[in-house]
Amino acid sequence: MPAYIVNKNAQTNGDHEVHKNGCAYMPDIANRLPLGVHASCGPAVTKAKRTFPSADGCAYCCPTCNKS
């Protein structure tokens, strides 16, 4: 199962993107908040929403969790 992180910095639309480890669009290490290992992006986004209610999946590595 893959590990996920959420970007501590919001995008211009206010969303904090959730990325699967290895995504080409991962933020700088200093801007990553680890979410742990999950079977899919859904539980990772749910966990990210506890800290960042506007969390959303990355369009590239988590397209099924991307609502933008």
PDB file of N, CA and C in Angstrom:
ATOM      1  N   MET A   1       0.852  -1.182   0.000  1.00  0.00           N
ATOM      2  CA  MET A   1       0.000   0.000   0.000  1.00  0.00           C
ATOM      3  C   MET A   1       0.895   1.242   0.000  1.00  0.00           C
ATOM      4  N   PRO A   2       0.461   2.264  -0.722  1.00  0.00           N
ATOM      5  CA  PRO A   2       1.282   3.476  -0.827  1.00  0.00           C
ATOM      6  C   PRO A   2       1.122   4.412   0.373  1.00  0.00           C
ATOM      7  N   ALA A   3       2.146   5.212   0.576  1.00  0.00           N
ATOM      8  CA  ALA A   3       2.114   6.266   1.590  1.00  0.00           C
ATOM      9  C   ALA A   3       1.598   7.544   0.929  1.00  0.00           C
ATOM     10  N   TYR A   4       0.927   8.374   1.715  1.00  0.00           N
ATOM     11  CA  TYR A   4       0.361   9.628   1.227  1.00  0.00           C
ATOM     12  C   TYR A   4       0.830  10.785   2.093  1.00  0.00           C
ATOM     13  N   ILE A   5       0.847  11.975   1.483  1.00  0.00           N
ATOM     14  CA  ILE A   5       1.160  13.207   2.205  1.00  0.00           C
ATOM     15  C   ILE A   5       0.158  14.265   1.763  1.00  0.00           C
ATOM     16  N   VAL A   6       0.047  15.322   2.574  1.00  0.00           N
ATOM     17  CA  VAL A   6      -0.763  16.468   2.179  1.00  0.00           C
ATOM     18  C   VAL A   6       0.157  17.687   2.190  1.00  0.00           C
ATOM     19  N   ASN A   7      -0.037  18.554   1.224  1.00  0.00           N
ATOM     20  CA  ASN A   7       0.734  19.784   1.129  1.00  0.00           C
ATOM     21  C   ASN A   7       0.241  20.755   2.199  1.00  0.00           C
ATOM     22  N   LYS A   8       1.140  21.226   3.053  1.00  0.00           N
ATOM     23  CA  LYS A   8       0.781  22.189   4.094  1.00  0.00           C
ATOM     24  C   LYS A   8       0.367  23.536   3.503  1.00  0.00           C
ATOM     25  N   ASN A   9       0.859  23.835   2.310  1.00  0.00           N
ATOM     26  CA  ASN A   9       0.527  25.096   1.640  1.00  0.00           C
ATOM     27  C   ASN A   9      -0.684  24.899   0.738  1.00  0.00           C
ATOM     28  N   ALA A  10      -1.633  25.793   0.838  1.00  0.00           N
ATOM     29  CA  ALA A  10      -2.828  25.715  -0.004  1.00  0.00           C
ATOM     30  C   ALA A  10      -2.518  26.200  -1.415  1.00  0.00           C
ATOM     31  N   GLN A  11      -3.253  25.659  -2.362  1.00  0.00           N
ATOM     32  CA  GLN A  11      -3.197  26.141  -3.741  1.00  0.00           C
ATOM     33  C   GLN A  11      -3.937  27.478  -3.807  1.00  0.00           C
ATOM     34  N   THR A  12      -3.933  28.104  -4.954  1.00  0.00           N
ATOM     35  CA  THR A  12      -4.613  29.394  -5.100  1.00  0.00           C
ATOM     36  C   THR A  12      -6.117  29.281  -4.851  1.00  0.00           C
ATOM     37  N   ASN A  13      -6.693  28.095  -5.070  1.00  0.00           N
ATOM     38  CA  ASN A  13      -8.133  27.911  -4.836  1.00  0.00           C
ATOM     39  C   ASN A  13      -8.440  27.533  -3.380  1.00  0.00           C
ATOM     40  N   GLY A  14      -7.406  27.441  -2.540  1.00  0.00           N
ATOM     41  CA  GLY A  14      -7.594  27.131  -1.125  1.00  0.00           C
ATOM     42  C   GLY A  14      -7.452  25.666  -0.761  1.00  0.00           C
ATOM     43  N   ASP A  15      -7.354  24.772  -1.745  1.00  0.00           N
ATOM     44  CA  ASP A  15      -7.233  23.341  -1.476  1.00  0.00           C
ATOM     45  C   ASP A  15      -5.811  22.971  -1.044  1.00  0.00           C
ATOM     46  N   HIS A  16      -5.726  22.003  -0.163  1.00  0.00           N
ATOM     47  CA  HIS A  16      -4.456  21.398   0.230  1.00  0.00           C
ATOM     48  C   HIS A  16      -4.427  20.038  -0.457  1.00  0.00           C
ATOM     49  N   GLU A  17      -3.510  19.868  -1.401  1.00  0.00           N
ATOM     50  CA  GLU A  17      -3.485  18.645  -2.202  1.00  0.00           C
ATOM     51  C   GLU A  17      -2.878  17.457  -1.477  1.00  0.00           C
ATOM     52  N   VAL A  18      -3.525  16.312  -1.646  1.00  0.00           N
ATOM     53  CA  VAL A  18      -3.027  15.032  -1.144  1.00  0.00           C
ATOM     54  C   VAL A  18      -2.302  14.344  -2.295  1.00  0.00           C
ATOM     55  N   HIS A  19      -1.093  13.853  -2.025  1.00  0.00           N
ATOM     56  CA  HIS A  19      -0.274  13.187  -3.036  1.00  0.00           C
ATOM     57  C   HIS A  19       0.110  11.788  -2.575  1.00  0.00           C
ATOM     58  N   LYS A  20       0.196  10.891  -3.543  1.00  0.00           N
ATOM     59  CA  LYS A  20       0.728   9.547  -3.294  1.00  0.00           C
ATOM     60  C   LYS A  20       2.247   9.637  -3.396  1.00  0.00           C
ATOM     61  N   ASN A  21       2.958   8.953  -2.511  1.00  0.00           N
ATOM     62  CA  ASN A  21       4.415   8.983  -2.530  1.00  0.00           C
ATOM     63  C   ASN A  21       4.934   8.666  -3.931  1.00  0.00           C
ATOM     64  N   GLY A  22       5.852   9.494  -4.407  1.00  0.00           N
ATOM     65  CA  GLY A  22       6.439   9.307  -5.728  1.00  0.00           C
ATOM     66  C   GLY A  22       5.820  10.176  -6.806  1.00  0.00           C
ATOM     67  N   CYS A  23       4.766  10.911  -6.490  1.00  0.00           N
ATOM     68  CA  CYS A  23       4.119  11.785  -7.477  1.00  0.00           C
ATOM     69  C   CYS A  23       5.113  12.834  -7.966  1.00  0.00           C
ATOM     70  N   ALA A  24       5.067  13.123  -9.240  1.00  0.00           N
ATOM     71  CA  ALA A  24       5.955  14.135  -9.833  1.00  0.00           C
ATOM     72  C   ALA A  24       5.642  15.536  -9.331  1.00  0.00           C
ATOM     73  N   TYR A  25       4.483  15.730  -8.714  1.00  0.00           N
ATOM     74  CA  TYR A  25       4.057  17.063  -8.266  1.00  0.00           C
ATOM     75  C   TYR A  25       4.073  17.209  -6.743  1.00  0.00           C
ATOM     76  N   MET A  26       4.865  16.383  -6.069  1.00  0.00           N
ATOM     77  CA  MET A  26       4.978  16.473  -4.610  1.00  0.00           C
ATOM     78  C   MET A  26       5.560  17.832  -4.228  1.00  0.00           C
ATOM     79  N   PRO A  27       5.094  18.398  -3.117  1.00  0.00           N
ATOM     80  CA  PRO A  27       5.668  19.664  -2.642  1.00  0.00           C
ATOM     81  C   PRO A  27       7.053  19.450  -2.028  1.00  0.00           C
ATOM     82  N   ASP A  28       7.734  20.540  -1.740  1.00  0.00           N
ATOM     83  CA  ASP A  28       9.026  20.455  -1.055  1.00  0.00           C
ATOM     84  C   ASP A  28       8.850  19.687   0.255  1.00  0.00           C
ATOM     85  N   ILE A  29       9.892  19.034   0.685  1.00  0.00           N
ATOM     86  CA  ILE A  29       9.842  18.215   1.897  1.00  0.00           C
ATOM     87  C   ILE A  29       9.334  19.019   3.096  1.00  0.00           C
ATOM     88  N   ALA A  30       9.740  20.272   3.209  1.00  0.00           N
ATOM     89  CA  ALA A  30       9.328  21.103   4.347  1.00  0.00           C
ATOM     90  C   ALA A  30       7.824  21.369   4.351  1.00  0.00           C
ATOM     91  N   ASN A  31       7.168  21.201   3.205  1.00  0.00           N
ATOM     92  CA  ASN A  31       5.729  21.483   3.084  1.00  0.00           C
ATOM     93  C   ASN A  31       4.868  20.227   3.105  1.00  0.00           C
ATOM     94  N   ARG A  32       5.450  19.092   3.446  1.00  0.00           N
ATOM     95  CA  ARG A  32       4.712  17.820   3.456  1.00  0.00           C
ATOM     96  C   ARG A  32       4.282  17.438   4.860  1.00  0.00           C
ATOM     97  N   LEU A  33       3.037  17.031   4.990  1.00  0.00           N
ATOM     98  CA  LEU A  33       2.531  16.477   6.244  1.00  0.00           C
ATOM     99  C   LEU A  33       2.176  15.021   5.962  1.00  0.00           C
ATOM    100  N   PRO A  34       2.884  14.059   6.553  1.00  0.00           N
ATOM    101  CA  PRO A  34       2.625  12.647   6.285  1.00  0.00           C
ATOM    102  C   PRO A  34       1.222  12.228   6.746  1.00  0.00           C
ATOM    103  N   LEU A  35       0.581  11.421   5.927  1.00  0.00           N
ATOM    104  CA  LEU A  35      -0.760  10.905   6.245  1.00  0.00           C
ATOM    105  C   LEU A  35      -0.749   9.413   6.530  1.00  0.00           C
ATOM    106  N   GLY A  36       0.385   8.769   6.302  1.00  0.00           N
ATOM    107  CA  GLY A  36       0.492   7.339   6.536  1.00  0.00           C
ATOM    108  C   GLY A  36       0.217   6.524   5.286  1.00  0.00           C
ATOM    109  N   VAL A  37       0.129   5.221   5.474  1.00  0.00           N
ATOM    110  CA  VAL A  37      -0.085   4.258   4.392  1.00  0.00           C
ATOM    111  C   VAL A  37      -1.574   3.927   4.330  1.00  0.00           C
ATOM    112  N   HIS A  38      -2.121   3.967   3.111  1.00  0.00           N
ATOM    113  CA  HIS A  38      -3.545   3.702   2.908  1.00  0.00           C
ATOM    114  C   HIS A  38      -3.742   2.868   1.648  1.00  0.00           C
ATOM    115  N   ALA A  39      -4.825   2.126   1.588  1.00  0.00           N
ATOM    116  CA  ALA A  39      -5.137   1.283   0.436  1.00  0.00           C
ATOM    117  C   ALA A  39      -5.500   2.107  -0.791  1.00  0.00           C
ATOM    118  N   SER A  40      -6.030   3.320  -0.565  1.00  0.00           N
ATOM    119  CA  SER A  40      -6.416   4.193  -1.675  1.00  0.00           C
ATOM    120  C   SER A  40      -6.383   5.637  -1.194  1.00  0.00           C
ATOM    121  N   CYS A  41      -6.637   6.563  -2.116  1.00  0.00           N
ATOM    122  CA  CYS A  41      -6.575   7.980  -1.763  1.00  0.00           C
ATOM    123  C   CYS A  41      -7.742   8.420  -0.876  1.00  0.00           C
ATOM    124  N   GLY A  42      -8.875   7.731  -0.914  1.00  0.00           N
ATOM    125  CA  GLY A  42     -10.040   8.141  -0.129  1.00  0.00           C
ATOM    126  C   GLY A  42      -9.759   8.285   1.354  1.00  0.00           C
ATOM    127  N   PRO A  43      -9.232   7.244   2.008  1.00  0.00           N
ATOM    128  CA  PRO A  43      -8.919   7.367   3.431  1.00  0.00           C
ATOM    129  C   PRO A  43      -7.837   8.417   3.710  1.00  0.00           C
ATOM    130  N   ALA A  44      -6.900   8.586   2.782  1.00  0.00           N
ATOM    131  CA  ALA A  44      -5.852   9.594   2.964  1.00  0.00           C
ATOM    132  C   ALA A  44      -6.450  10.998   2.937  1.00  0.00           C
ATOM    133  N   VAL A  45      -7.362  11.256   2.000  1.00  0.00           N
ATOM    134  CA  VAL A  45      -8.013  12.567   1.930  1.00  0.00           C
ATOM    135  C   VAL A  45      -8.870  12.792   3.176  1.00  0.00           C
ATOM    136  N   THR A  46      -9.560  11.766   3.625  1.00  0.00           N
ATOM    137  CA  THR A  46     -10.367  11.888   4.839  1.00  0.00           C
ATOM    138  C   THR A  46      -9.493  12.282   6.022  1.00  0.00           C
ATOM    139  N   LYS A  47      -8.331  11.648   6.149  1.00  0.00           N
ATOM    140  CA  LYS A  47      -7.415  11.989   7.237  1.00  0.00           C
ATOM    141  C   LYS A  47      -6.896  13.415   7.073  1.00  0.00           C
ATOM    142  N   ALA A  48      -6.562  13.818   5.857  1.00  0.00           N
ATOM    143  CA  ALA A  48      -6.064  15.175   5.603  1.00  0.00           C
ATOM    144  C   ALA A  48      -7.109  16.226   5.962  1.00  0.00           C
ATOM    145  N   LYS A  49      -8.387  15.908   5.743  1.00  0.00           N
ATOM    146  CA  LYS A  49      -9.468  16.857   6.031  1.00  0.00           C
ATOM    147  C   LYS A  49      -9.614  17.154   7.525  1.00  0.00           C
ATOM    148  N   ARG A  50      -9.067  16.302   8.382  1.00  0.00           N
ATOM    149  CA  ARG A  50      -9.091  16.573   9.823  1.00  0.00           C
ATOM    150  C   ARG A  50      -8.251  17.810  10.154  1.00  0.00           C
ATOM    151  N   THR A  51      -7.185  18.011   9.382  1.00  0.00           N
ATOM    152  CA  THR A  51      -6.298  19.160   9.586  1.00  0.00           C
ATOM    153  C   THR A  51      -6.636  20.293   8.620  1.00  0.00           C
ATOM    154  N   PHE A  52      -6.905  19.930   7.375  1.00  0.00           N
ATOM    155  CA  PHE A  52      -7.207  20.904   6.324  1.00  0.00           C
ATOM    156  C   PHE A  52      -8.554  20.539   5.708  1.00  0.00           C
ATOM    157  N   PRO A  53      -9.661  21.126   6.153  1.00  0.00           N
ATOM    158  CA  PRO A  53     -10.985  20.770   5.639  1.00  0.00           C
ATOM    159  C   PRO A  53     -11.125  20.883   4.119  1.00  0.00           C
ATOM    160  N   SER A  54     -10.257  21.682   3.504  1.00  0.00           N
ATOM    161  CA  SER A  54     -10.336  21.846   2.050  1.00  0.00           C
ATOM    162  C   SER A  54      -9.405  20.888   1.295  1.00  0.00           C
ATOM    163  N   ALA A  55      -8.933  19.828   1.951  1.00  0.00           N
ATOM    164  CA  ALA A  55      -8.032  18.874   1.299  1.00  0.00           C
ATOM    165  C   ALA A  55      -8.719  18.210   0.111  1.00  0.00           C
ATOM    166  N   ASP A  56      -7.928  17.926  -0.909  1.00  0.00           N
ATOM    167  CA  ASP A  56      -8.419  17.352  -2.163  1.00  0.00           C
ATOM    168  C   ASP A  56      -7.297  16.504  -2.754  1.00  0.00           C
ATOM    169  N   GLY A  57      -7.639  15.491  -3.527  1.00  0.00           N
ATOM    170  CA  GLY A  57      -6.631  14.645  -4.157  1.00  0.00           C
ATOM    171  C   GLY A  57      -5.958  15.330  -5.333  1.00  0.00           C
ATOM    172  N   CYS A  58      -4.697  15.033  -5.536  1.00  0.00           N
ATOM    173  CA  CYS A  58      -3.937  15.538  -6.680  1.00  0.00           C
ATOM    174  C   CYS A  58      -4.562  15.004  -7.972  1.00  0.00           C
ATOM    175  N   ALA A  59      -4.709  15.858  -8.956  1.00  0.00           N
ATOM    176  CA  ALA A  59      -5.310  15.463 -10.234  1.00  0.00           C
ATOM    177  C   ALA A  59      -4.461  14.426 -10.970  1.00  0.00           C
ATOM    178  N   TYR A  60      -3.179  14.332 -10.648  1.00  0.00           N
ATOM    179  CA  TYR A  60      -2.281  13.437 -11.369  1.00  0.00           C
ATOM    180  C   TYR A  60      -2.101  12.085 -10.675  1.00  0.00           C
ATOM    181  N   CYS A  61      -1.873  12.076  -9.361  1.00  0.00           N
ATOM    182  CA  CYS A  61      -1.625  10.803  -8.678  1.00  0.00           C
ATOM    183  C   CYS A  61      -2.845  10.288  -7.913  1.00  0.00           C
ATOM    184  N   CYS A  62      -3.846  11.134  -7.701  1.00  0.00           N
ATOM    185  CA  CYS A  62      -5.062  10.750  -6.983  1.00  0.00           C
ATOM    186  C   CYS A  62      -6.312  11.264  -7.716  1.00  0.00           C
ATOM    187  N   PRO A  63      -6.431  10.973  -9.012  1.00  0.00           N
ATOM    188  CA  PRO A  63      -7.522  11.565  -9.795  1.00  0.00           C
ATOM    189  C   PRO A  63      -8.918  11.188  -9.306  1.00  0.00           C
ATOM    190  N   THR A  64      -9.093  10.014  -8.707  1.00  0.00           N
ATOM    191  CA  THR A  64     -10.420   9.618  -8.234  1.00  0.00           C
ATOM    192  C   THR A  64     -10.831  10.413  -6.987  1.00  0.00           C
ATOM    193  N   CYS A  65      -9.877  11.077  -6.349  1.00  0.00           N
ATOM    194  CA  CYS A  65     -10.159  11.889  -5.156  1.00  0.00           C
ATOM    195  C   CYS A  65     -10.065  13.377  -5.444  1.00  0.00           C
ATOM    196  N   ASN A  66      -9.910  13.737  -6.705  1.00  0.00           N
ATOM    197  CA  ASN A  66      -9.787  15.142  -7.090  1.00  0.00           C
ATOM    198  C   ASN A  66     -11.169  15.693  -7.437  1.00  0.00           C
ATOM    199  N   LYS A  67     -11.570  16.725  -6.732  1.00  0.00           N
ATOM    200  CA  LYS A  67     -12.904  17.320  -6.948  1.00  0.00           C
ATOM    201  C   LYS A  67     -12.847  18.623  -7.722  1.00  0.00           C
ATOM    202  N   SER A  68     -11.643  19.118  -8.030  1.00  0.00           N
ATOM    203  CA  SER A  68     -11.518  20.415  -8.723  1.00  0.00           C
ATOM    204  C   SER A  68     -11.920  20.340 -10.169  1.00  0.00           C
TER     205      SER A  68
END
